[in-house]
Amino acid sequence: MHLWAADTPNRPWPPGRAAQAQKPYPVTKEALLLQMDLAGVSRIVIVPPSWEGDRNELALEAARLYPDRFAVMGRIALEKPESRALVPDWKKQPGMLGMRFTFHTDLQRPWLTDGTADWLWPAAEKARIPLMVLVPGSLDALAKIAERHPELRLTIDHVGLRRFTRGPDVFEDLPKVCALAKYPNVAVKASGVPSLSNQSYPYRDVQPFMKTLFDAFGPKRMFWGTDLTRMPCTYYECIHLFTDHLPWLKGEDLDWVMGRGVCEWLGWPLPASA
């Protein structure tokens, strides 16, 4: 989930009507807590939105005030040399679990292969910092990183797909995503799934693809998530798509997919009684 503050001169939203349409109001920690309580969600991993650059303070404040409810996958300016000094002590920040990077724009996509990001993988591996990466169209590059750095935990964001299309065509890269399951240090977030559908709830056209993803990664490396702030549905529907409409997902497997897996993967284990 993302959160962000109001549009102010000190914290401006990006220009352009399309960007504004996706962010018409601030999303605060209090708003998230209300949504969580209504939906029966006990924890959220907060990912600061990419349009805010490397600002993590709002997310870290939420984790500091509500450490049992929030934790953070933070951002750094990958392209800036001074960011390298932040890595060794990164997880000493209360509530910080790891880092998240986006490689989906014309500016950022080349960083995977032009040397800009080369320093990151061994540094994060050495510091045991798990990473989440948005890499649509760059799955081959991610495979090379996973192979070269077997102790580096990598989570593929948003099923690894080119998510600005809908329906069956959006899943054309799914075989490449599933091929990455052979690397035990790679997991996948099944997040934002309703936005991939051409149908209304319960999004039957995308359900078979979730089974394919599950068969490849298994319950401990396939993580449910919402990305609720851009979903075409309610929090309830995001949850119950998985809990009520995937009949093959049940029991202990369901528990792992719906939260235990990502918490274990990121080092934020649930209480024994959960």
C-alpha atoms as a PDB file:
ATOM      1  CA  MET A   1       0.000   0.000   0.000  1.00  0.00           C
ATOM      2  CA  HIS A   2       1.018   3.608  -0.551  1.00  0.00           C
ATOM      3  CA  LEU A   3       0.375   6.664   1.551  1.00  0.00           C
ATOM      4  CA  TRP A   4       1.023  10.311   0.733  1.00  0.00           C
ATOM      5  CA  ALA A   5       0.449  13.764   2.154  1.00  0.00           C
ATOM      6  CA  ALA A   6      -1.628  16.637   0.836  1.00  0.00           C
ATOM      7  CA  ASP A   7      -0.433  18.626  -2.166  1.00  0.00           C
ATOM      8  CA  THR A   8       1.632  21.503  -0.707  1.00  0.00           C
ATOM      9  CA  PRO A   9       4.535  23.662  -1.936  1.00  0.00           C
ATOM     10  CA  ASN A  10       6.890  21.655   0.291  1.00  0.00           C
ATOM     11  CA  ARG A  11       5.494  18.342  -0.919  1.00  0.00           C
ATOM     12  CA  PRO A  12       3.982  18.914  -4.368  1.00  0.00           C
ATOM     13  CA  TRP A  13       2.193  16.266  -6.322  1.00  0.00           C
ATOM     14  CA  PRO A  14       3.467  15.704  -9.865  1.00  0.00           C
ATOM     15  CA  PRO A  15       1.958  17.949 -12.543  1.00  0.00           C
ATOM     16  CA  GLY A  16      -0.504  16.724 -15.106  1.00  0.00           C
ATOM     17  CA  ARG A  17      -4.163  15.829 -14.947  1.00  0.00           C
ATOM     18  CA  ALA A  18      -3.566  12.067 -15.221  1.00  0.00           C
ATOM     19  CA  ALA A  19      -1.291  12.061 -12.210  1.00  0.00           C
ATOM     20  CA  GLN A  20      -3.680  14.257 -10.230  1.00  0.00           C
ATOM     21  CA  ALA A  21      -6.615  12.020 -11.068  1.00  0.00           C
ATOM     22  CA  GLN A  22      -4.892   9.108  -9.358  1.00  0.00           C
ATOM     23  CA  LYS A  23      -4.097  11.214  -6.278  1.00  0.00           C
ATOM     24  CA  PRO A  24      -7.097  13.476  -5.629  1.00  0.00           C
ATOM     25  CA  TYR A  25      -6.671  13.459  -1.852  1.00  0.00           C
ATOM     26  CA  PRO A  26      -4.026  12.656   0.756  1.00  0.00           C
ATOM     27  CA  VAL A  27      -3.806   9.054   1.979  1.00  0.00           C
ATOM     28  CA  THR A  28      -2.844   9.165   5.633  1.00  0.00           C
ATOM     29  CA  LYS A  29      -1.897   6.537   8.167  1.00  0.00           C
ATOM     30  CA  GLU A  30      -5.201   7.171   9.927  1.00  0.00           C
ATOM     31  CA  ALA A  31      -7.111   6.553   6.710  1.00  0.00           C
ATOM     32  CA  LEU A  32      -5.209   3.309   6.169  1.00  0.00           C
ATOM     33  CA  LEU A  33      -5.891   2.160   9.732  1.00  0.00           C
ATOM     34  CA  LEU A  34      -9.613   2.721   9.220  1.00  0.00           C
ATOM     35  CA  GLN A  35      -9.585   0.787   5.945  1.00  0.00           C
ATOM     36  CA  MET A  36      -7.586  -2.015   7.567  1.00  0.00           C
ATOM     37  CA  ASP A  37      -9.959  -2.322  10.514  1.00  0.00           C
ATOM     38  CA  LEU A  38     -13.012  -2.355   8.269  1.00  0.00           C
ATOM     39  CA  ALA A  39     -11.487  -5.017   6.009  1.00  0.00           C
ATOM     40  CA  GLY A  40      -9.986  -7.150   8.783  1.00  0.00           C
ATOM     41  CA  VAL A  41      -6.373  -6.554   7.733  1.00  0.00           C
ATOM     42  CA  SER A  42      -3.878  -6.734  10.588  1.00  0.00           C
ATOM     43  CA  ARG A  43      -0.743  -5.408   8.861  1.00  0.00           C
ATOM     44  CA  ILE A  44       0.378  -3.361   5.895  1.00  0.00           C
ATOM     45  CA  VAL A  45       3.776  -3.092   4.228  1.00  0.00           C
ATOM     46  CA  ILE A  46       3.967   0.547   3.148  1.00  0.00           C
ATOM     47  CA  VAL A  47       5.746   1.379  -0.089  1.00  0.00           C
ATOM     48  CA  PRO A  48       6.360   5.126  -0.553  1.00  0.00           C
ATOM     49  CA  PRO A  49       5.018   6.128  -3.986  1.00  0.00           C
ATOM     50  CA  SER A  50       7.591   6.406  -6.748  1.00  0.00           C
ATOM     51  CA  TRP A  51       6.480   9.934  -7.666  1.00  0.00           C
ATOM     52  CA  GLU A  52       7.816  11.188  -4.319  1.00  0.00           C
ATOM     53  CA  GLY A  53      11.368  10.131  -5.109  1.00  0.00           C
ATOM     54  CA  ASP A  54      13.305   8.883  -2.089  1.00  0.00           C
ATOM     55  CA  ARG A  55      11.120  10.364   0.672  1.00  0.00           C
ATOM     56  CA  ASN A  56      10.358   7.777   3.344  1.00  0.00           C
ATOM     57  CA  GLU A  57       9.507   9.882   6.388  1.00  0.00           C
ATOM     58  CA  LEU A  58       5.711   9.566   6.235  1.00  0.00           C
ATOM     59  CA  ALA A  59       5.898   5.786   6.024  1.00  0.00           C
ATOM     60  CA  LEU A  60       8.495   5.580   8.789  1.00  0.00           C
ATOM     61  CA  GLU A  61       6.367   7.782  11.029  1.00  0.00           C
ATOM     62  CA  ALA A  62       3.442   5.390  10.567  1.00  0.00           C
ATOM     63  CA  ALA A  63       5.665   2.433  11.446  1.00  0.00           C
ATOM     64  CA  ARG A  64       7.036   4.245  14.505  1.00  0.00           C
ATOM     65  CA  LEU A  65       3.592   5.108  15.850  1.00  0.00           C
ATOM     66  CA  TYR A  66       1.968   1.765  14.952  1.00  0.00           C
ATOM     67  CA  PRO A  67       4.783  -0.807  14.831  1.00  0.00           C
ATOM     68  CA  ASP A  68       2.379  -3.752  14.967  1.00  0.00           C
ATOM     69  CA  ARG A  69       0.389  -2.486  11.984  1.00  0.00           C
ATOM     70  CA  PHE A  70       2.901  -0.882   9.609  1.00  0.00           C
ATOM     71  CA  ALA A  71       6.386  -1.550   8.252  1.00  0.00           C
ATOM     72  CA  VAL A  72       8.222  -0.019   5.314  1.00  0.00           C
ATOM     73  CA  MET A  73       9.991  -0.971   2.116  1.00  0.00           C
ATOM     74  CA  GLY A  74      11.808   2.325   1.575  1.00  0.00           C
ATOM     75  CA  ARG A  75      13.312   4.090  -1.390  1.00  0.00           C
ATOM     76  CA  ILE A  76      16.718   5.566  -2.125  1.00  0.00           C
ATOM     77  CA  ALA A  77      18.010   7.511  -5.096  1.00  0.00           C
ATOM     78  CA  LEU A  78      19.677   4.632  -6.875  1.00  0.00           C
ATOM     79  CA  GLU A  79      21.433   6.873  -9.385  1.00  0.00           C
ATOM     80  CA  LYS A  80      23.150   9.077  -6.769  1.00  0.00           C
ATOM     81  CA  PRO A  81      26.596   7.927  -5.548  1.00  0.00           C
ATOM     82  CA  GLU A  82      25.902   9.219  -2.035  1.00  0.00           C
ATOM     83  CA  SER A  83      23.113   6.668  -1.644  1.00  0.00           C
ATOM     84  CA  ARG A  84      25.632   3.842  -1.381  1.00  0.00           C
ATOM     85  CA  ALA A  85      26.645   4.901   2.123  1.00  0.00           C
ATOM     86  CA  LEU A  86      23.059   4.401   3.326  1.00  0.00           C
ATOM     87  CA  VAL A  87      22.933   0.669   2.676  1.00  0.00           C
ATOM     88  CA  PRO A  88      24.903  -0.836   5.607  1.00  0.00           C
ATOM     89  CA  ASP A  89      22.714   0.794   8.271  1.00  0.00           C
ATOM     90  CA  TRP A  90      19.466   0.814   6.294  1.00  0.00           C
ATOM     91  CA  LYS A  91      17.569  -1.642   8.479  1.00  0.00           C
ATOM     92  CA  LYS A  92      18.575   0.147  11.678  1.00  0.00           C
ATOM     93  CA  GLN A  93      15.761   2.595  10.930  1.00  0.00           C
ATOM     94  CA  PRO A  94      12.799   1.472  13.096  1.00  0.00           C
ATOM     95  CA  GLY A  95      10.182  -0.176  10.927  1.00  0.00           C
ATOM     96  CA  MET A  96      12.360  -0.423   7.817  1.00  0.00           C
ATOM     97  CA  LEU A  97      12.319  -3.894   6.255  1.00  0.00           C
ATOM     98  CA  GLY A  98      14.084  -3.333   2.943  1.00  0.00           C
ATOM     99  CA  MET A  99      14.073  -1.308  -0.272  1.00  0.00           C
ATOM    100  CA  ARG A 100      11.817  -0.940  -3.274  1.00  0.00           C
ATOM    101  CA  PHE A 101      12.865   0.133  -6.773  1.00  0.00           C
ATOM    102  CA  THR A 102      10.950   0.904  -9.951  1.00  0.00           C
ATOM    103  CA  PHE A 103      12.368   0.194 -13.420  1.00  0.00           C
ATOM    104  CA  HIS A 104       9.289   0.882 -15.526  1.00  0.00           C
ATOM    105  CA  THR A 105       9.938   4.319 -17.048  1.00  0.00           C
ATOM    106  CA  ASP A 106      12.085   5.313 -20.002  1.00  0.00           C
ATOM    107  CA  LEU A 107      14.500   6.934 -17.559  1.00  0.00           C
ATOM    108  CA  GLN A 108      14.770   4.063 -15.077  1.00  0.00           C
ATOM    109  CA  ARG A 109      14.474   0.978 -17.269  1.00  0.00           C
ATOM    110  CA  PRO A 110      18.021   1.255 -18.696  1.00  0.00           C
ATOM    111  CA  TRP A 111      19.499   1.341 -15.186  1.00  0.00           C
ATOM    112  CA  LEU A 112      19.118  -2.437 -14.998  1.00  0.00           C
ATOM    113  CA  THR A 113      21.555  -2.966 -17.845  1.00  0.00           C
ATOM    114  CA  ASP A 114      23.672   0.175 -18.308  1.00  0.00           C
ATOM    115  CA  GLY A 115      25.636  -0.208 -15.072  1.00  0.00           C
ATOM    116  CA  THR A 116      23.714   2.332 -12.982  1.00  0.00           C
ATOM    117  CA  ALA A 117      22.255  -0.330 -10.669  1.00  0.00           C
ATOM    118  CA  ASP A 118      25.227  -2.687 -10.651  1.00  0.00           C
ATOM    119  CA  TRP A 119      26.460  -1.491  -7.263  1.00  0.00           C
ATOM    120  CA  LEU A 120      23.121  -2.160  -5.573  1.00  0.00           C
ATOM    121  CA  TRP A 121      22.809  -5.924  -5.869  1.00  0.00           C
ATOM    122  CA  PRO A 122      26.040  -6.953  -4.069  1.00  0.00           C
ATOM    123  CA  ALA A 123      25.594  -4.179  -1.503  1.00  0.00           C
ATOM    124  CA  ALA A 124      22.049  -5.251  -0.618  1.00  0.00           C
ATOM    125  CA  GLU A 125      23.070  -8.909  -0.646  1.00  0.00           C
ATOM    126  CA  LYS A 126      25.905  -8.227   1.798  1.00  0.00           C
ATOM    127  CA  ALA A 127      23.652  -6.177   4.096  1.00  0.00           C
ATOM    128  CA  ARG A 128      20.873  -8.786   3.821  1.00  0.00           C
ATOM    129  CA  ILE A 129      18.362  -6.209   2.636  1.00  0.00           C
ATOM    130  CA  PRO A 130      15.382  -7.667   0.746  1.00  0.00           C
ATOM    131  CA  LEU A 131      14.374  -5.767  -2.370  1.00  0.00           C
ATOM    132  CA  MET A 132      11.085  -5.276  -4.183  1.00  0.00           C
ATOM    133  CA  VAL A 133      11.439  -4.437  -7.864  1.00  0.00           C
ATOM    134  CA  LEU A 134       9.015  -3.286 -10.537  1.00  0.00           C
ATOM    135  CA  VAL A 135      10.517  -4.630 -13.761  1.00  0.00           C
ATOM    136  CA  PRO A 136       7.860  -4.953 -16.508  1.00  0.00           C
ATOM    137  CA  GLY A 137       9.544  -5.947 -19.751  1.00  0.00           C
ATOM    138  CA  SER A 138      12.900  -6.527 -18.026  1.00  0.00           C
ATOM    139  CA  LEU A 139      12.462 -10.002 -16.574  1.00  0.00           C
ATOM    140  CA  ASP A 140      15.539 -11.361 -18.371  1.00  0.00           C
ATOM    141  CA  ALA A 141      17.698  -8.783 -16.620  1.00  0.00           C
ATOM    142  CA  LEU A 142      16.204  -9.758 -13.271  1.00  0.00           C
ATOM    143  CA  ALA A 143      16.995 -13.425 -13.921  1.00  0.00           C
ATOM    144  CA  LYS A 144      20.674 -12.576 -14.345  1.00  0.00           C
ATOM    145  CA  ILE A 145      20.668 -10.589 -11.100  1.00  0.00           C
ATOM    146  CA  ALA A 146      18.998 -13.408  -9.193  1.00  0.00           C
ATOM    147  CA  GLU A 147      21.508 -15.936 -10.506  1.00  0.00           C
ATOM    148  CA  ARG A 148      24.545 -13.796  -9.711  1.00  0.00           C
ATOM    149  CA  HIS A 149      23.358 -12.924  -6.197  1.00  0.00           C
ATOM    150  CA  PRO A 150      21.767 -16.045  -4.685  1.00  0.00           C
ATOM    151  CA  GLU A 151      21.604 -14.600  -1.148  1.00  0.00           C
ATOM    152  CA  LEU A 152      19.727 -11.491  -2.298  1.00  0.00           C
ATOM    153  CA  ARG A 153      15.980 -11.750  -1.729  1.00  0.00           C
ATOM    154  CA  LEU A 154      14.068 -10.260  -4.664  1.00  0.00           C
ATOM    155  CA  THR A 155      10.316  -9.770  -4.858  1.00  0.00           C
ATOM    156  CA  ILE A 156       8.743  -9.047  -8.248  1.00  0.00           C
ATOM    157  CA  ASP A 157       6.094  -6.337  -7.992  1.00  0.00           C
ATOM    158  CA  HIS A 158       2.618  -6.525  -9.548  1.00  0.00           C
ATOM    159  CA  VAL A 159       3.032 -10.044 -11.010  1.00  0.00           C
ATOM    160  CA  GLY A 160       5.900  -8.750 -13.153  1.00  0.00           C
ATOM    161  CA  LEU A 161       3.519  -7.703 -15.920  1.00  0.00           C
ATOM    162  CA  ARG A 162       3.002  -4.681 -18.143  1.00  0.00           C
ATOM    163  CA  ARG A 163       0.058  -3.596 -16.041  1.00  0.00           C
ATOM    164  CA  PHE A 164      -1.360  -0.766 -18.146  1.00  0.00           C
ATOM    165  CA  THR A 165      -3.308  -3.165 -20.330  1.00  0.00           C
ATOM    166  CA  ARG A 166      -6.167  -5.438 -19.289  1.00  0.00           C
ATOM    167  CA  GLY A 167      -7.496  -8.903 -19.902  1.00  0.00           C
ATOM    168  CA  PRO A 168      -5.668 -11.969 -21.258  1.00  0.00           C
ATOM    169  CA  ASP A 169      -3.097  -9.995 -23.254  1.00  0.00           C
ATOM    170  CA  VAL A 170      -1.612  -8.524 -20.090  1.00  0.00           C
ATOM    171  CA  PHE A 171      -0.480 -12.015 -19.091  1.00  0.00           C
ATOM    172  CA  GLU A 172       1.680 -12.646 -22.156  1.00  0.00           C
ATOM    173  CA  ASP A 173       4.836 -12.331 -20.029  1.00  0.00           C
ATOM    174  CA  LEU A 174       3.543 -14.680 -17.317  1.00  0.00           C
ATOM    175  CA  PRO A 175       5.648 -17.638 -18.555  1.00  0.00           C
ATOM    176  CA  LYS A 176       8.774 -15.492 -18.111  1.00  0.00           C
ATOM    177  CA  VAL A 177       7.640 -14.551 -14.616  1.00  0.00           C
ATOM    178  CA  CYS A 178       7.011 -18.167 -13.699  1.00  0.00           C
ATOM    179  CA  ALA A 179      10.415 -19.178 -15.081  1.00  0.00           C
ATOM    180  CA  LEU A 180      11.994 -17.010 -12.378  1.00  0.00           C
ATOM    181  CA  ALA A 181      10.535 -19.322  -9.731  1.00  0.00           C
ATOM    182  CA  LYS A 182      13.507 -21.638 -10.292  1.00  0.00           C
ATOM    183  CA  TYR A 183      15.570 -19.164  -8.287  1.00  0.00           C
ATOM    184  CA  PRO A 184      14.827 -19.739  -4.583  1.00  0.00           C
ATOM    185  CA  ASN A 185      15.707 -16.120  -3.827  1.00  0.00           C
ATOM    186  CA  VAL A 186      12.883 -14.781  -6.019  1.00  0.00           C
ATOM    187  CA  ALA A 187       9.274 -14.270  -4.894  1.00  0.00           C
ATOM    188  CA  VAL A 188       6.329 -12.544  -6.563  1.00  0.00           C
ATOM    189  CA  LYS A 189       3.646 -10.133  -5.377  1.00  0.00           C
ATOM    190  CA  ALA A 190       0.193 -10.915  -6.740  1.00  0.00           C
ATOM    191  CA  SER A 191      -0.741  -7.297  -6.134  1.00  0.00           C
ATOM    192  CA  GLY A 192      -3.077  -5.095  -8.119  1.00  0.00           C
ATOM    193  CA  VAL A 193      -4.760  -8.113  -9.697  1.00  0.00           C
ATOM    194  CA  PRO A 194      -8.239  -6.513 -10.110  1.00  0.00           C
ATOM    195  CA  SER A 195      -6.682  -3.823 -12.296  1.00  0.00           C
ATOM    196  CA  LEU A 196      -5.602  -6.516 -14.772  1.00  0.00           C
ATOM    197  CA  SER A 197      -9.149  -7.662 -15.442  1.00  0.00           C
ATOM    198  CA  ASN A 198     -11.629  -6.711 -18.145  1.00  0.00           C
ATOM    199  CA  GLN A 199     -14.503  -7.878 -15.964  1.00  0.00           C
ATOM    200  CA  SER A 200     -16.182  -6.885 -12.734  1.00  0.00           C
ATOM    201  CA  TYR A 201     -15.749  -8.611  -9.382  1.00  0.00           C
ATOM    202  CA  PRO A 202     -14.846 -11.467  -8.916  1.00  0.00           C
ATOM    203  CA  TYR A 203     -12.660 -10.977 -12.016  1.00  0.00           C
ATOM    204  CA  ARG A 204     -13.015 -14.478 -13.396  1.00  0.00           C
ATOM    205  CA  ASP A 205     -10.846 -13.738 -16.440  1.00  0.00           C
ATOM    206  CA  VAL A 206      -7.709 -13.384 -14.278  1.00  0.00           C
ATOM    207  CA  GLN A 207      -8.344 -16.227 -11.846  1.00  0.00           C
ATOM    208  CA  PRO A 208      -6.735 -18.998 -13.964  1.00  0.00           C
ATOM    209  CA  PHE A 209      -3.537 -16.960 -14.216  1.00  0.00           C
ATOM    210  CA  MET A 210      -3.310 -16.800 -10.423  1.00  0.00           C
ATOM    211  CA  LYS A 211      -3.325 -20.605 -10.354  1.00  0.00           C
ATOM    212  CA  THR A 212      -0.466 -20.645 -12.871  1.00  0.00           C
ATOM    213  CA  LEU A 213       1.491 -18.234 -10.704  1.00  0.00           C
ATOM    214  CA  PHE A 214       0.796 -20.274  -7.579  1.00  0.00           C
ATOM    215  CA  ASP A 215       1.851 -23.527  -9.234  1.00  0.00           C
ATOM    216  CA  ALA A 216       5.190 -21.950 -10.117  1.00  0.00           C
ATOM    217  CA  PHE A 217       6.076 -20.128  -6.889  1.00  0.00           C
ATOM    218  CA  GLY A 218       4.084 -22.019  -4.266  1.00  0.00           C
ATOM    219  CA  PRO A 219       2.371 -20.546  -1.198  1.00  0.00           C
ATOM    220  CA  LYS A 220       5.522 -19.287   0.533  1.00  0.00           C
ATOM    221  CA  ARG A 221       6.761 -17.174  -2.401  1.00  0.00           C
ATOM    222  CA  MET A 222       3.500 -15.831  -3.847  1.00  0.00           C
ATOM    223  CA  PHE A 223       2.299 -12.803  -1.879  1.00  0.00           C
ATOM    224  CA  TRP A 224      -1.181 -11.297  -2.013  1.00  0.00           C
ATOM    225  CA  GLY A 225      -1.266  -7.501  -2.012  1.00  0.00           C
ATOM    226  CA  THR A 226      -3.630  -4.730  -2.997  1.00  0.00           C
ATOM    227  CA  ASP A 227      -2.063  -1.482  -4.197  1.00  0.00           C
ATOM    228  CA  LEU A 228      -5.497  -0.315  -3.097  1.00  0.00           C
ATOM    229  CA  THR A 229      -5.096   3.352  -4.018  1.00  0.00           C
ATOM    230  CA  ARG A 230      -5.357   2.542  -7.725  1.00  0.00           C
ATOM    231  CA  MET A 231      -7.757  -0.430  -7.619  1.00  0.00           C
ATOM    232  CA  PRO A 232     -11.182  -0.331  -9.339  1.00  0.00           C
ATOM    233  CA  CYS A 233     -12.814  -2.027  -6.348  1.00  0.00           C
ATOM    234  CA  THR A 234     -13.085  -2.094  -2.565  1.00  0.00           C
ATOM    235  CA  TYR A 235     -10.562  -3.456  -0.082  1.00  0.00           C
ATOM    236  CA  TYR A 236     -13.119  -6.190   0.699  1.00  0.00           C
ATOM    237  CA  GLU A 237     -13.186  -7.288  -2.939  1.00  0.00           C
ATOM    238  CA  CYS A 238      -9.379  -7.265  -3.211  1.00  0.00           C
ATOM    239  CA  ILE A 239      -9.253  -9.655  -0.257  1.00  0.00           C
ATOM    240  CA  HIS A 240     -12.189 -11.904  -1.080  1.00  0.00           C
ATOM    241  CA  LEU A 241     -11.086 -12.403  -4.664  1.00  0.00           C
ATOM    242  CA  PHE A 242      -8.385 -14.584  -3.106  1.00  0.00           C
ATOM    243  CA  THR A 243     -10.123 -15.930   0.000  1.00  0.00           C
ATOM    244  CA  ASP A 244     -13.491 -16.837  -1.580  1.00  0.00           C
ATOM    245  CA  HIS A 245     -13.055 -17.208  -5.335  1.00  0.00           C
ATOM    246  CA  LEU A 246      -9.911 -19.294  -5.773  1.00  0.00           C
ATOM    247  CA  PRO A 247     -11.162 -22.724  -4.646  1.00  0.00           C
ATOM    248  CA  TRP A 248      -7.710 -24.281  -4.996  1.00  0.00           C
ATOM    249  CA  LEU A 249      -6.296 -21.819  -2.431  1.00  0.00           C
ATOM    250  CA  LYS A 250      -7.269 -22.873   1.069  1.00  0.00           C
ATOM    251  CA  GLY A 251      -6.022 -23.914   4.478  1.00  0.00           C
ATOM    252  CA  GLU A 252      -2.386 -23.336   5.295  1.00  0.00           C
ATOM    253  CA  ASP A 253      -1.619 -22.341   1.700  1.00  0.00           C
ATOM    254  CA  LEU A 254      -4.147 -19.522   1.964  1.00  0.00           C
ATOM    255  CA  ASP A 255      -2.564 -18.314   5.228  1.00  0.00           C
ATOM    256  CA  TRP A 256       0.857 -18.135   3.587  1.00  0.00           C
ATOM    257  CA  VAL A 257      -0.364 -16.313   0.478  1.00  0.00           C
ATOM    258  CA  MET A 258      -2.500 -13.829   2.426  1.00  0.00           C
ATOM    259  CA  GLY A 259       0.277 -12.518   4.630  1.00  0.00           C
ATOM    260  CA  ARG A 260       2.420 -14.994   6.474  1.00  0.00           C
ATOM    261  CA  GLY A 261       4.656 -15.555   3.463  1.00  0.00           C
ATOM    262  CA  VAL A 262       5.587 -11.928   2.838  1.00  0.00           C
ATOM    263  CA  CYS A 263       6.083 -11.287   6.560  1.00  0.00           C
ATOM    264  CA  GLU A 264       8.505 -14.206   6.829  1.00  0.00           C
ATOM    265  CA  TRP A 265      10.255 -13.252   3.592  1.00  0.00           C
ATOM    266  CA  LEU A 266      10.866  -9.676   4.729  1.00  0.00           C
ATOM    267  CA  GLY A 267      11.799 -10.519   8.315  1.00  0.00           C
ATOM    268  CA  TRP A 268       8.611  -9.224   9.973  1.00  0.00           C
ATOM    269  CA  PRO A 269       7.234 -12.527  11.315  1.00  0.00           C
ATOM    270  CA  LEU A 270       3.712 -12.741  12.617  1.00  0.00           C
ATOM    271  CA  PRO A 271       3.103 -13.625  16.277  1.00  0.00           C
ATOM    272  CA  ALA A 272       2.947 -17.354  16.926  1.00  0.00           C
ATOM    273  CA  SER A 273      -0.759 -17.121  17.737  1.00  0.00           C
ATOM    274  CA  ALA A 274      -1.655 -15.262  14.514  1.00  0.00           C
END
